[in-house]
Amino acid sequence: MPVTGWRWLVVLAALEYWRGLGHAILGEQYAADSGFGRGGSGKNNFVADGVVFKLGHDPDPDLATRDAADVHVVVEAVSVESEARDAEEKLTVYAQLGVPQYWIIRRESPEVKKDGLISMYELADGEYRLVGHRLVSQLAAASE
């Protein structure tokens, strides 16, 4: 299913921020066999909108499934339809997989065409804790 232009723009901006810090990035990737985090076989894996890899990891571009041990940040841009899945279900599974950071981007209003508010979570004691918020438009300035 195609994604909206807004979703692609905010995910790309977040990934570019991390690439500017020296991380390898990819979009639309499976972050490990996340089905096992829910007691399943992996047949219902979650696809991450964006994946940021740990410094020094060079991902194979021919693969679409990533080992969670290589992932530094998962980026998700949520819509009303995906809020529960991205902000609750995926949040829990990626914490179980040990992904150090999870960024959830929400659109503040329909009038804002190219921006969003990032909720930044860091893993602590096996659970994500909210550590801050930032507008996507502020990322470029933060990496300079």
N, C-alpha and C. Protein backbone atom coordinates (compact mmCIF):
# COMPACT_ATOMS: atom_id res chain seq x y z
N MET A 1 0.85 -1.17 0.00
CA MET A 1 0.00 0.00 0.00
C MET A 1 0.90 1.24 0.00
N PRO A 2 0.65 2.18 -0.90
CA PRO A 2 1.47 3.39 -0.95
C PRO A 2 1.30 4.24 0.31
N VAL A 3 2.35 4.95 0.64
CA VAL A 3 2.29 5.84 1.80
C VAL A 3 2.04 7.26 1.34
N THR A 4 1.56 8.09 2.25
CA THR A 4 1.33 9.50 1.90
C THR A 4 2.67 10.22 1.75
N GLY A 5 2.61 11.31 1.02
CA GLY A 5 3.81 12.14 0.87
C GLY A 5 4.31 12.64 2.21
N TRP A 6 3.40 13.03 3.10
CA TRP A 6 3.80 13.52 4.43
C TRP A 6 4.60 12.46 5.16
N ARG A 7 4.09 11.25 5.17
CA ARG A 7 4.77 10.16 5.89
C ARG A 7 6.18 9.95 5.35
N TRP A 8 6.31 9.91 4.04
CA TRP A 8 7.62 9.70 3.45
C TRP A 8 8.57 10.86 3.78
N LEU A 9 8.09 12.10 3.70
CA LEU A 9 8.95 13.25 3.96
C LEU A 9 9.46 13.29 5.40
N VAL A 10 8.59 13.00 6.37
CA VAL A 10 9.05 13.08 7.77
C VAL A 10 9.97 11.92 8.12
N VAL A 11 9.69 10.74 7.58
CA VAL A 11 10.58 9.60 7.83
C VAL A 11 11.94 9.85 7.18
N LEU A 12 11.94 10.34 5.95
CA LEU A 12 13.19 10.65 5.27
C LEU A 12 14.00 11.69 6.04
N ALA A 13 13.34 12.73 6.55
CA ALA A 13 14.05 13.76 7.33
C ALA A 13 14.67 13.16 8.58
N ALA A 14 13.95 12.29 9.27
CA ALA A 14 14.50 11.65 10.47
C ALA A 14 15.68 10.76 10.12
N LEU A 15 15.56 10.00 9.04
CA LEU A 15 16.66 9.13 8.63
C LEU A 15 17.89 9.94 8.21
N GLU A 16 17.65 11.02 7.49
CA GLU A 16 18.77 11.88 7.07
C GLU A 16 19.49 12.49 8.27
N TYR A 17 18.77 12.81 9.31
CA TYR A 17 19.38 13.31 10.55
C TYR A 17 20.40 12.28 11.05
N TRP A 18 19.97 11.02 11.15
CA TRP A 18 20.85 9.98 11.66
C TRP A 18 22.01 9.70 10.69
N ARG A 19 21.74 9.76 9.38
CA ARG A 19 22.83 9.55 8.43
C ARG A 19 23.89 10.63 8.58
N GLY A 20 23.46 11.86 8.86
CA GLY A 20 24.40 12.94 9.11
C GLY A 20 25.28 12.70 10.34
N LEU A 21 24.83 11.85 11.23
CA LEU A 21 25.61 11.49 12.42
C LEU A 21 26.49 10.26 12.18
N GLY A 22 26.48 9.75 10.94
CA GLY A 22 27.36 8.64 10.58
C GLY A 22 26.72 7.26 10.57
N HIS A 23 25.42 7.17 10.77
CA HIS A 23 24.73 5.89 10.79
C HIS A 23 24.25 5.50 9.39
N ALA A 24 24.25 4.20 9.11
CA ALA A 24 23.60 3.69 7.90
C ALA A 24 22.09 3.69 8.16
N ILE A 25 21.33 3.92 7.11
CA ILE A 25 19.86 4.01 7.23
C ILE A 25 19.19 3.24 6.10
N LEU A 26 17.97 2.79 6.34
CA LEU A 26 17.14 2.19 5.31
C LEU A 26 15.68 2.41 5.67
N GLY A 27 14.82 2.42 4.66
CA GLY A 27 13.40 2.56 4.90
C GLY A 27 12.66 1.27 4.60
N GLU A 28 11.46 1.15 5.19
CA GLU A 28 10.57 0.02 4.93
C GLU A 28 11.27 -1.32 5.09
N GLN A 29 11.74 -1.60 6.29
CA GLN A 29 12.46 -2.83 6.59
C GLN A 29 11.79 -3.60 7.71
N TYR A 30 11.90 -4.92 7.66
CA TYR A 30 11.52 -5.73 8.82
C TYR A 30 12.64 -5.57 9.84
N ALA A 31 12.28 -5.28 11.07
CA ALA A 31 13.29 -5.19 12.13
C ALA A 31 13.27 -6.51 12.88
N ALA A 32 14.04 -7.45 12.41
CA ALA A 32 14.15 -8.81 12.94
C ALA A 32 12.84 -9.55 12.75
N ASP A 33 12.78 -10.72 13.30
CA ASP A 33 11.58 -11.55 13.20
C ASP A 33 10.68 -11.19 14.36
N SER A 34 10.09 -9.99 14.28
CA SER A 34 9.38 -9.46 15.43
C SER A 34 8.14 -10.25 15.80
N GLY A 35 7.75 -11.19 14.97
CA GLY A 35 6.63 -12.04 15.33
C GLY A 35 6.88 -12.84 16.59
N PHE A 36 8.14 -13.22 16.83
CA PHE A 36 8.42 -14.02 18.03
C PHE A 36 8.21 -13.20 19.29
N GLY A 37 8.31 -11.88 19.18
CA GLY A 37 8.08 -11.04 20.35
C GLY A 37 6.64 -11.10 20.83
N ARG A 38 5.74 -11.57 19.96
CA ARG A 38 4.33 -11.70 20.29
C ARG A 38 3.93 -13.16 20.41
N GLY A 39 4.94 -14.05 20.48
CA GLY A 39 4.65 -15.46 20.64
C GLY A 39 4.30 -16.18 19.36
N GLY A 40 4.53 -15.54 18.24
CA GLY A 40 4.20 -16.16 16.96
C GLY A 40 5.43 -16.64 16.23
N SER A 41 5.23 -17.06 15.02
CA SER A 41 6.32 -17.62 14.22
C SER A 41 7.06 -16.55 13.42
N GLY A 42 6.57 -15.36 13.42
CA GLY A 42 7.19 -14.30 12.63
C GLY A 42 6.45 -14.02 11.34
N LYS A 43 5.36 -14.75 11.09
CA LYS A 43 4.63 -14.55 9.84
C LYS A 43 3.93 -13.20 9.77
N ASN A 44 3.76 -12.54 10.91
CA ASN A 44 3.12 -11.23 10.94
C ASN A 44 4.11 -10.17 11.40
N ASN A 45 5.26 -10.17 10.81
CA ASN A 45 6.30 -9.22 11.18
C ASN A 45 5.83 -7.78 11.02
N PHE A 46 6.42 -6.90 11.80
CA PHE A 46 6.19 -5.48 11.63
C PHE A 46 7.21 -4.93 10.64
N VAL A 47 6.76 -4.06 9.78
CA VAL A 47 7.67 -3.35 8.89
C VAL A 47 7.88 -1.97 9.48
N ALA A 48 9.13 -1.62 9.71
CA ALA A 48 9.48 -0.30 10.24
C ALA A 48 9.53 0.69 9.09
N ASP A 49 8.99 1.89 9.31
CA ASP A 49 9.07 2.93 8.29
C ASP A 49 10.52 3.29 8.01
N GLY A 50 11.33 3.34 9.04
CA GLY A 50 12.74 3.65 8.90
C GLY A 50 13.56 2.91 9.93
N VAL A 51 14.76 2.50 9.53
CA VAL A 51 15.68 1.81 10.42
C VAL A 51 17.02 2.52 10.39
N VAL A 52 17.55 2.80 11.57
CA VAL A 52 18.87 3.40 11.73
C VAL A 52 19.74 2.32 12.36
N PHE A 53 20.89 2.07 11.77
CA PHE A 53 21.75 1.00 12.26
C PHE A 53 22.80 1.54 13.23
N LYS A 54 23.30 0.65 14.05
CA LYS A 54 24.35 1.01 14.99
C LYS A 54 25.56 1.48 14.20
N LEU A 55 26.30 2.41 14.78
CA LEU A 55 27.49 2.94 14.11
C LEU A 55 28.41 1.81 13.70
N GLY A 56 28.90 1.88 12.46
CA GLY A 56 29.82 0.89 11.94
C GLY A 56 29.16 -0.29 11.26
N HIS A 57 27.85 -0.46 11.43
CA HIS A 57 27.17 -1.58 10.76
C HIS A 57 26.87 -1.19 9.32
N ASP A 58 27.24 -2.06 8.39
CA ASP A 58 27.01 -1.84 6.96
C ASP A 58 25.97 -2.84 6.49
N PRO A 59 24.69 -2.44 6.42
CA PRO A 59 23.63 -3.40 6.08
C PRO A 59 23.70 -3.88 4.64
N ASP A 60 23.41 -5.14 4.44
CA ASP A 60 23.36 -5.73 3.11
C ASP A 60 22.13 -5.16 2.39
N PRO A 61 22.31 -4.46 1.27
CA PRO A 61 21.17 -3.84 0.59
C PRO A 61 20.23 -4.84 -0.08
N ASP A 62 20.63 -6.11 -0.16
CA ASP A 62 19.78 -7.12 -0.80
C ASP A 62 18.83 -7.80 0.18
N LEU A 63 18.90 -7.44 1.46
CA LEU A 63 18.04 -8.03 2.47
C LEU A 63 16.94 -7.06 2.86
N ALA A 64 15.82 -7.57 3.36
CA ALA A 64 14.73 -6.73 3.84
C ALA A 64 14.44 -6.98 5.32
N THR A 65 15.03 -8.04 5.90
CA THR A 65 14.85 -8.36 7.31
C THR A 65 16.14 -8.07 8.04
N ARG A 66 16.03 -7.33 9.13
CA ARG A 66 17.21 -6.88 9.87
C ARG A 66 17.24 -7.47 11.26
N ASP A 67 18.43 -7.87 11.69
CA ASP A 67 18.62 -8.38 13.04
C ASP A 67 18.50 -7.21 14.01
N ALA A 68 17.66 -7.34 15.00
CA ALA A 68 17.47 -6.25 15.97
C ALA A 68 18.77 -5.86 16.66
N ALA A 69 19.72 -6.77 16.75
CA ALA A 69 21.00 -6.48 17.39
C ALA A 69 21.79 -5.42 16.60
N ASP A 70 21.47 -5.25 15.32
CA ASP A 70 22.17 -4.27 14.48
C ASP A 70 21.45 -2.93 14.42
N VAL A 71 20.24 -2.86 14.97
CA VAL A 71 19.40 -1.67 14.86
C VAL A 71 19.61 -0.75 16.06
N HIS A 72 19.79 0.53 15.76
CA HIS A 72 19.95 1.55 16.81
C HIS A 72 18.64 2.29 17.08
N VAL A 73 17.90 2.62 16.00
CA VAL A 73 16.64 3.36 16.13
C VAL A 73 15.65 2.82 15.11
N VAL A 74 14.40 2.69 15.53
CA VAL A 74 13.29 2.45 14.61
C VAL A 74 12.48 3.73 14.56
N VAL A 75 12.13 4.16 13.35
CA VAL A 75 11.34 5.38 13.13
C VAL A 75 9.99 4.99 12.54
N GLU A 76 8.93 5.50 13.15
CA GLU A 76 7.57 5.26 12.65
C GLU A 76 6.84 6.59 12.53
N ALA A 77 6.17 6.79 11.41
CA ALA A 77 5.28 7.95 11.24
C ALA A 77 3.86 7.41 11.35
N VAL A 78 3.12 7.88 12.31
CA VAL A 78 1.80 7.29 12.58
C VAL A 78 0.68 8.14 12.01
N SER A 79 -0.40 7.44 11.73
CA SER A 79 -1.63 8.09 11.31
C SER A 79 -2.70 7.67 12.31
N VAL A 80 -3.87 8.22 12.18
CA VAL A 80 -4.97 7.85 13.06
C VAL A 80 -5.20 6.34 12.99
N GLU A 81 -5.11 5.78 11.78
CA GLU A 81 -5.35 4.35 11.58
C GLU A 81 -4.27 3.47 12.20
N SER A 82 -3.04 3.97 12.29
CA SER A 82 -1.94 3.14 12.79
C SER A 82 -1.49 3.49 14.20
N GLU A 83 -2.17 4.43 14.84
CA GLU A 83 -1.73 4.90 16.18
C GLU A 83 -1.60 3.76 17.18
N ALA A 84 -2.60 2.92 17.32
CA ALA A 84 -2.55 1.85 18.31
C ALA A 84 -1.43 0.86 17.99
N ARG A 85 -1.28 0.50 16.74
CA ARG A 85 -0.24 -0.46 16.35
C ARG A 85 1.15 0.13 16.57
N ASP A 86 1.37 1.37 16.11
CA ASP A 86 2.71 1.96 16.19
C ASP A 86 3.08 2.43 17.59
N ALA A 87 2.12 3.01 18.30
CA ALA A 87 2.42 3.61 19.61
C ALA A 87 2.25 2.64 20.77
N GLU A 88 1.65 1.50 20.52
CA GLU A 88 1.48 0.53 21.61
C GLU A 88 2.11 -0.81 21.26
N GLU A 89 1.59 -1.46 20.22
CA GLU A 89 2.05 -2.81 19.89
C GLU A 89 3.51 -2.83 19.45
N LYS A 90 3.86 -1.98 18.47
CA LYS A 90 5.25 -1.96 18.00
C LYS A 90 6.19 -1.48 19.10
N LEU A 91 5.76 -0.52 19.89
CA LEU A 91 6.58 -0.01 20.99
C LEU A 91 6.97 -1.16 21.91
N THR A 92 6.03 -2.00 22.25
CA THR A 92 6.28 -3.13 23.15
C THR A 92 7.21 -4.16 22.50
N VAL A 93 6.94 -4.51 21.26
CA VAL A 93 7.74 -5.53 20.58
C VAL A 93 9.17 -5.07 20.38
N TYR A 94 9.39 -3.83 19.92
CA TYR A 94 10.75 -3.36 19.71
C TYR A 94 11.52 -3.26 21.03
N ALA A 95 10.84 -2.96 22.11
CA ALA A 95 11.49 -2.98 23.43
C ALA A 95 11.91 -4.41 23.78
N GLN A 96 11.04 -5.38 23.52
CA GLN A 96 11.38 -6.78 23.78
C GLN A 96 12.56 -7.23 22.93
N LEU A 97 12.67 -6.69 21.73
CA LEU A 97 13.78 -7.03 20.84
C LEU A 97 15.08 -6.32 21.23
N GLY A 98 15.00 -5.34 22.11
CA GLY A 98 16.19 -4.64 22.58
C GLY A 98 16.66 -3.50 21.71
N VAL A 99 15.79 -2.95 20.86
CA VAL A 99 16.16 -1.80 20.01
C VAL A 99 16.33 -0.59 20.93
N PRO A 100 17.52 0.04 20.96
CA PRO A 100 17.80 1.10 21.93
C PRO A 100 16.89 2.33 21.87
N GLN A 101 16.44 2.73 20.67
CA GLN A 101 15.61 3.93 20.56
C GLN A 101 14.45 3.69 19.61
N TYR A 102 13.35 4.37 19.90
CA TYR A 102 12.15 4.29 19.06
C TYR A 102 11.62 5.70 18.92
N TRP A 103 11.46 6.15 17.67
CA TRP A 103 10.94 7.48 17.39
C TRP A 103 9.58 7.34 16.73
N ILE A 104 8.59 7.99 17.31
CA ILE A 104 7.25 8.01 16.74
C ILE A 104 6.95 9.44 16.29
N ILE A 105 6.60 9.59 15.02
CA ILE A 105 6.32 10.92 14.46
C ILE A 105 4.81 11.02 14.21
N ARG A 106 4.24 12.08 14.76
CA ARG A 106 2.81 12.34 14.59
C ARG A 106 2.62 13.68 13.87
N ARG A 107 1.61 13.74 13.05
CA ARG A 107 1.26 14.99 12.38
C ARG A 107 0.44 15.82 13.36
N GLU A 108 0.85 17.04 13.56
CA GLU A 108 0.18 17.90 14.53
C GLU A 108 -1.19 18.37 14.04
N SER A 109 -1.28 18.66 12.74
CA SER A 109 -2.57 19.08 12.18
C SER A 109 -2.52 18.88 10.67
N PRO A 110 -3.68 18.76 10.04
CA PRO A 110 -3.71 18.57 8.58
C PRO A 110 -3.09 19.73 7.80
N GLU A 111 -3.07 20.91 8.41
CA GLU A 111 -2.52 22.09 7.72
C GLU A 111 -1.00 22.04 7.63
N VAL A 112 -0.36 21.29 8.51
CA VAL A 112 1.10 21.20 8.51
C VAL A 112 1.50 20.12 7.51
N LYS A 113 2.01 20.55 6.38
CA LYS A 113 2.23 19.63 5.27
C LYS A 113 3.53 18.84 5.34
N LYS A 114 4.58 19.40 5.94
CA LYS A 114 5.89 18.74 5.88
C LYS A 114 6.56 18.63 7.24
N ASP A 115 5.81 18.70 8.31
CA ASP A 115 6.43 18.64 9.64
C ASP A 115 5.66 17.64 10.49
N GLY A 116 6.22 17.34 11.62
CA GLY A 116 5.59 16.44 12.56
C GLY A 116 6.32 16.52 13.89
N LEU A 117 5.68 16.02 14.92
CA LEU A 117 6.27 16.02 16.25
C LEU A 117 6.80 14.63 16.54
N ILE A 118 8.09 14.55 16.86
CA ILE A 118 8.72 13.28 17.19
C ILE A 118 8.66 13.07 18.69
N SER A 119 8.14 11.92 19.10
CA SER A 119 8.24 11.47 20.49
C SER A 119 9.42 10.51 20.52
N MET A 120 10.44 10.84 21.32
CA MET A 120 11.68 10.07 21.35
C MET A 120 11.72 9.19 22.59
N TYR A 121 11.86 7.90 22.36
CA TYR A 121 11.90 6.93 23.45
C TYR A 121 13.26 6.25 23.49
N GLU A 122 13.75 5.98 24.70
CA GLU A 122 14.98 5.22 24.89
C GLU A 122 14.69 4.03 25.78
N LEU A 123 15.38 2.94 25.48
CA LEU A 123 15.19 1.71 26.22
C LEU A 123 15.91 1.79 27.56
N ALA A 124 15.20 1.47 28.64
CA ALA A 124 15.78 1.43 29.99
C ALA A 124 15.09 0.31 30.75
N ASP A 125 15.87 -0.62 31.23
CA ASP A 125 15.33 -1.75 31.99
C ASP A 125 14.25 -2.50 31.22
N GLY A 126 14.47 -2.68 29.91
CA GLY A 126 13.56 -3.47 29.10
C GLY A 126 12.30 -2.77 28.65
N GLU A 127 12.15 -1.49 28.97
CA GLU A 127 10.96 -0.73 28.57
C GLU A 127 11.39 0.61 27.99
N TYR A 128 10.57 1.13 27.09
CA TYR A 128 10.85 2.46 26.55
C TYR A 128 10.36 3.52 27.51
N ARG A 129 11.20 4.55 27.63
CA ARG A 129 10.83 5.72 28.42
C ARG A 129 10.90 6.93 27.50
N LEU A 130 9.87 7.77 27.58
CA LEU A 130 9.86 8.99 26.79
C LEU A 130 10.94 9.92 27.31
N VAL A 131 11.84 10.35 26.41
CA VAL A 131 12.94 11.22 26.83
C VAL A 131 12.85 12.61 26.23
N GLY A 132 11.90 12.83 25.31
CA GLY A 132 11.77 14.17 24.77
C GLY A 132 10.94 14.21 23.50
N HIS A 133 10.73 15.44 23.05
CA HIS A 133 9.99 15.71 21.82
C HIS A 133 10.80 16.70 20.99
N ARG A 134 10.63 16.61 19.68
CA ARG A 134 11.27 17.56 18.78
C ARG A 134 10.48 17.58 17.49
N LEU A 135 10.38 18.73 16.88
CA LEU A 135 9.77 18.83 15.56
C LEU A 135 10.74 18.29 14.52
N VAL A 136 10.20 17.65 13.51
CA VAL A 136 11.04 17.14 12.43
C VAL A 136 11.83 18.28 11.80
N SER A 137 11.21 19.44 11.65
CA SER A 137 11.89 20.61 11.05
C SER A 137 13.08 21.08 11.87
N GLN A 138 13.18 20.69 13.13
CA GLN A 138 14.30 21.08 13.97
C GLN A 138 15.50 20.14 13.83
N LEU A 139 15.34 19.00 13.18
CA LEU A 139 16.42 18.03 13.08
C LEU A 139 17.60 18.54 12.27
N ALA A 140 17.34 19.22 11.16
CA ALA A 140 18.43 19.71 10.32
C ALA A 140 19.32 20.66 11.10
N ALA A 141 18.74 21.55 11.88
CA ALA A 141 19.52 22.49 12.68
C ALA A 141 20.30 21.77 13.78
N ALA A 142 19.72 20.70 14.32
CA ALA A 142 20.37 19.96 15.41
C ALA A 142 21.61 19.21 14.93
N SER A 143 21.65 18.84 13.65
CA SER A 143 22.80 18.06 13.15
C SER A 143 23.91 18.94 12.61
N GLU A 144 23.68 20.26 12.56
CA GLU A 144 24.71 21.17 12.03
C GLU A 144 25.69 21.56 13.10
